Amino acid sequence: MTAPTHAADAADPDALTVVTACADRLAPGVAARPLAVGPEPTVLTGGAAPAGRRLVPLLEERLRPVTPHVPNAPRLALSRLGGRGVARGTVRKAFDQVEEELLADTAP
């Protein structure tokens, strides 16, 4: 049996069905994201990371018809941090904030 994280890459039909359904469900939110928060890339991480190599092209395929005239069409990227990207990003953000507060010039 193929490990679940590699099943889509191995073209397992059941895994591809799940990844396709995931792309279908994510596409509307990903399409709206640049309009709401700006043109930064949408980074797929966390639970989406293992299927990312299959998921990104499927999402891009679904986004083309719904964003033809959007000037900041969604750009997608796959996190290199894997399934722990969200946790690592959160910790990094917290470290940055603590560092900024500790090193802030507090002199009158």
C-alpha atoms as a PDB file:
ATOM      1  CA  MET A   1       0.000   0.000   0.000  1.00  0.00           C
ATOM      2  CA  THR A   2       1.283   3.439  -0.918  1.00  0.00           C
ATOM      3  CA  ALA A   3       1.765   5.925   1.931  1.00  0.00           C
ATOM      4  CA  PRO A   4      -1.075   8.484   1.905  1.00  0.00           C
ATOM      5  CA  THR A   5       1.282  11.432   1.426  1.00  0.00           C
ATOM      6  CA  HIS A   6       2.690   9.897  -1.741  1.00  0.00           C
ATOM      7  CA  ALA A   7      -0.434   8.278  -3.135  1.00  0.00           C
ATOM      8  CA  ALA A   8      -1.392  11.263  -5.307  1.00  0.00           C
ATOM      9  CA  ASP A   9       2.136  11.506  -6.702  1.00  0.00           C
ATOM     10  CA  ALA A  10       1.937   7.813  -7.501  1.00  0.00           C
ATOM     11  CA  ALA A  11      -1.278   8.553  -9.457  1.00  0.00           C
ATOM     12  CA  ASP A  12      -3.418   6.429  -7.137  1.00  0.00           C
ATOM     13  CA  PRO A  13      -6.971   6.965  -8.478  1.00  0.00           C
ATOM     14  CA  ASP A  14      -8.541   7.297  -5.026  1.00  0.00           C
ATOM     15  CA  ALA A  15      -5.916   9.817  -3.928  1.00  0.00           C
ATOM     16  CA  LEU A  16      -6.333  11.821  -7.137  1.00  0.00           C
ATOM     17  CA  THR A  17     -10.092  11.925  -6.543  1.00  0.00           C
ATOM     18  CA  VAL A  18      -9.498  13.374  -3.077  1.00  0.00           C
ATOM     19  CA  VAL A  19      -6.969  15.936  -4.352  1.00  0.00           C
ATOM     20  CA  THR A  20      -9.335  16.961  -7.161  1.00  0.00           C
ATOM     21  CA  ALA A  21     -12.201  17.411  -4.686  1.00  0.00           C
ATOM     22  CA  CYS A  22      -9.897  19.473  -2.484  1.00  0.00           C
ATOM     23  CA  ALA A  23      -8.998  21.728  -5.445  1.00  0.00           C
ATOM     24  CA  ASP A  24     -12.690  22.163  -6.240  1.00  0.00           C
ATOM     25  CA  ARG A  25     -13.443  23.228  -2.664  1.00  0.00           C
ATOM     26  CA  LEU A  26     -10.427  25.527  -2.267  1.00  0.00           C
ATOM     27  CA  ALA A  27     -10.711  27.343  -5.602  1.00  0.00           C
ATOM     28  CA  PRO A  28     -13.469  29.864  -4.697  1.00  0.00           C
ATOM     29  CA  GLY A  29     -11.660  31.026  -1.562  1.00  0.00           C
ATOM     30  CA  VAL A  30      -8.292  31.188  -3.269  1.00  0.00           C
ATOM     31  CA  ALA A  31      -9.843  33.160  -6.150  1.00  0.00           C
ATOM     32  CA  ALA A  32     -11.257  35.748  -3.735  1.00  0.00           C
ATOM     33  CA  ARG A  33      -8.185  36.085  -1.548  1.00  0.00           C
ATOM     34  CA  PRO A  34      -6.195  38.593  -3.687  1.00  0.00           C
ATOM     35  CA  LEU A  35      -9.235  40.856  -3.892  1.00  0.00           C
ATOM     36  CA  ALA A  36      -9.528  40.892  -0.113  1.00  0.00           C
ATOM     37  CA  VAL A  37      -5.934  41.049   1.082  1.00  0.00           C
ATOM     38  CA  GLY A  38      -3.681  41.858  -1.849  1.00  0.00           C
ATOM     39  CA  PRO A  39      -1.548  40.263  -4.517  1.00  0.00           C
ATOM     40  CA  GLU A  40       0.790  38.249  -2.305  1.00  0.00           C
ATOM     41  CA  PRO A  41       1.068  34.600  -3.289  1.00  0.00           C
ATOM     42  CA  THR A  42      -1.206  32.091  -1.602  1.00  0.00           C
ATOM     43  CA  VAL A  43       1.103  29.596   0.066  1.00  0.00           C
ATOM     44  CA  LEU A  44      -0.173  26.068   0.452  1.00  0.00           C
ATOM     45  CA  THR A  45       1.131  24.417   3.598  1.00  0.00           C
ATOM     46  CA  GLY A  46      -0.081  22.326   6.498  1.00  0.00           C
ATOM     47  CA  GLY A  47      -2.389  19.532   5.459  1.00  0.00           C
ATOM     48  CA  ALA A  48      -2.233  20.582   1.808  1.00  0.00           C
ATOM     49  CA  ALA A  49       1.558  20.230   1.604  1.00  0.00           C
ATOM     50  CA  PRO A  50       1.773  16.479   0.947  1.00  0.00           C
ATOM     51  CA  ALA A  51      -0.510  16.749  -2.084  1.00  0.00           C
ATOM     52  CA  GLY A  52       0.864  20.107  -3.185  1.00  0.00           C
ATOM     53  CA  ARG A  53       2.620  18.972  -6.334  1.00  0.00           C
ATOM     54  CA  ARG A  54      -0.692  17.664  -7.632  1.00  0.00           C
ATOM     55  CA  LEU A  55      -2.897  20.258  -5.935  1.00  0.00           C
ATOM     56  CA  VAL A  56      -1.205  23.420  -7.262  1.00  0.00           C
ATOM     57  CA  PRO A  57      -1.749  22.616 -10.967  1.00  0.00           C
ATOM     58  CA  LEU A  58      -5.350  21.561 -10.308  1.00  0.00           C
ATOM     59  CA  LEU A  59      -6.052  24.793  -8.432  1.00  0.00           C
ATOM     60  CA  GLU A  60      -4.435  26.887 -11.174  1.00  0.00           C
ATOM     61  CA  GLU A  61      -6.607  25.104 -13.732  1.00  0.00           C
ATOM     62  CA  ARG A  62      -9.752  25.912 -11.734  1.00  0.00           C
ATOM     63  CA  LEU A  63      -8.743  29.533 -11.137  1.00  0.00           C
ATOM     64  CA  ARG A  64      -8.167  30.462 -14.806  1.00  0.00           C
ATOM     65  CA  PRO A  65     -11.832  30.548 -15.827  1.00  0.00           C
ATOM     66  CA  VAL A  66     -13.000  32.414 -12.708  1.00  0.00           C
ATOM     67  CA  THR A  67     -10.267  35.081 -12.676  1.00  0.00           C
ATOM     68  CA  PRO A  68      -9.716  36.079 -16.327  1.00  0.00           C
ATOM     69  CA  HIS A  69     -10.019  39.819 -15.698  1.00  0.00           C
ATOM     70  CA  VAL A  70      -8.634  40.003 -12.170  1.00  0.00           C
ATOM     71  CA  PRO A  71      -5.529  42.210 -12.287  1.00  0.00           C
ATOM     72  CA  ASN A  72      -4.013  40.454  -9.294  1.00  0.00           C
ATOM     73  CA  ALA A  73      -4.883  36.905 -10.248  1.00  0.00           C
ATOM     74  CA  PRO A  74      -4.011  34.452  -7.496  1.00  0.00           C
ATOM     75  CA  ARG A  75      -0.442  33.227  -7.490  1.00  0.00           C
ATOM     76  CA  LEU A  76       0.144  29.910  -5.804  1.00  0.00           C
ATOM     77  CA  ALA A  77       3.226  28.603  -4.063  1.00  0.00           C
ATOM     78  CA  LEU A  78       3.919  25.392  -2.246  1.00  0.00           C
ATOM     79  CA  SER A  79       5.609  25.826   1.119  1.00  0.00           C
ATOM     80  CA  ARG A  80       9.021  24.254   1.419  1.00  0.00           C
ATOM     81  CA  LEU A  81       8.341  23.769   5.126  1.00  0.00           C
ATOM     82  CA  GLY A  82       5.974  20.876   4.523  1.00  0.00           C
ATOM     83  CA  GLY A  83       3.147  19.979   6.864  1.00  0.00           C
ATOM     84  CA  ARG A  84       4.583  22.020   9.732  1.00  0.00           C
ATOM     85  CA  GLY A  85       4.727  25.274   7.797  1.00  0.00           C
ATOM     86  CA  VAL A  86       1.887  26.925   9.691  1.00  0.00           C
ATOM     87  CA  ALA A  87       3.412  26.133  13.086  1.00  0.00           C
ATOM     88  CA  ARG A  88       6.891  27.215  12.005  1.00  0.00           C
ATOM     89  CA  GLY A  89       5.566  30.441  10.508  1.00  0.00           C
ATOM     90  CA  THR A  90       3.651  31.210  13.685  1.00  0.00           C
ATOM     91  CA  VAL A  91       6.725  30.656  15.845  1.00  0.00           C
ATOM     92  CA  ARG A  92       8.848  32.809  13.496  1.00  0.00           C
ATOM     93  CA  LYS A  93       6.273  35.615  13.649  1.00  0.00           C
ATOM     94  CA  ALA A  94       6.239  35.429  17.451  1.00  0.00           C
ATOM     95  CA  PHE A  95      10.051  35.560  17.586  1.00  0.00           C
ATOM     96  CA  ASP A  96      10.069  38.578  15.270  1.00  0.00           C
ATOM     97  CA  GLN A  97       7.531  40.384  17.450  1.00  0.00           C
ATOM     98  CA  VAL A  98       9.411  39.636  20.677  1.00  0.00           C
ATOM     99  CA  GLU A  99      12.693  40.732  19.105  1.00  0.00           C
ATOM    100  CA  GLU A 100      11.137  43.975  17.880  1.00  0.00           C
ATOM    101  CA  GLU A 101       9.673  44.747  21.313  1.00  0.00           C
ATOM    102  CA  LEU A 102      12.863  43.897  23.194  1.00  0.00           C
ATOM    103  CA  LEU A 103      15.061  45.958  20.897  1.00  0.00           C
ATOM    104  CA  ALA A 104      12.670  48.879  20.546  1.00  0.00           C
ATOM    105  CA  ASP A 105      14.101  52.235  21.550  1.00  0.00           C
ATOM    106  CA  THR A 106      12.193  53.084  24.719  1.00  0.00           C
ATOM    107  CA  ALA A 107      14.299  56.104  25.745  1.00  0.00           C
ATOM    108  CA  PRO A 108      12.350  59.387  26.165  1.00  0.00           C
END
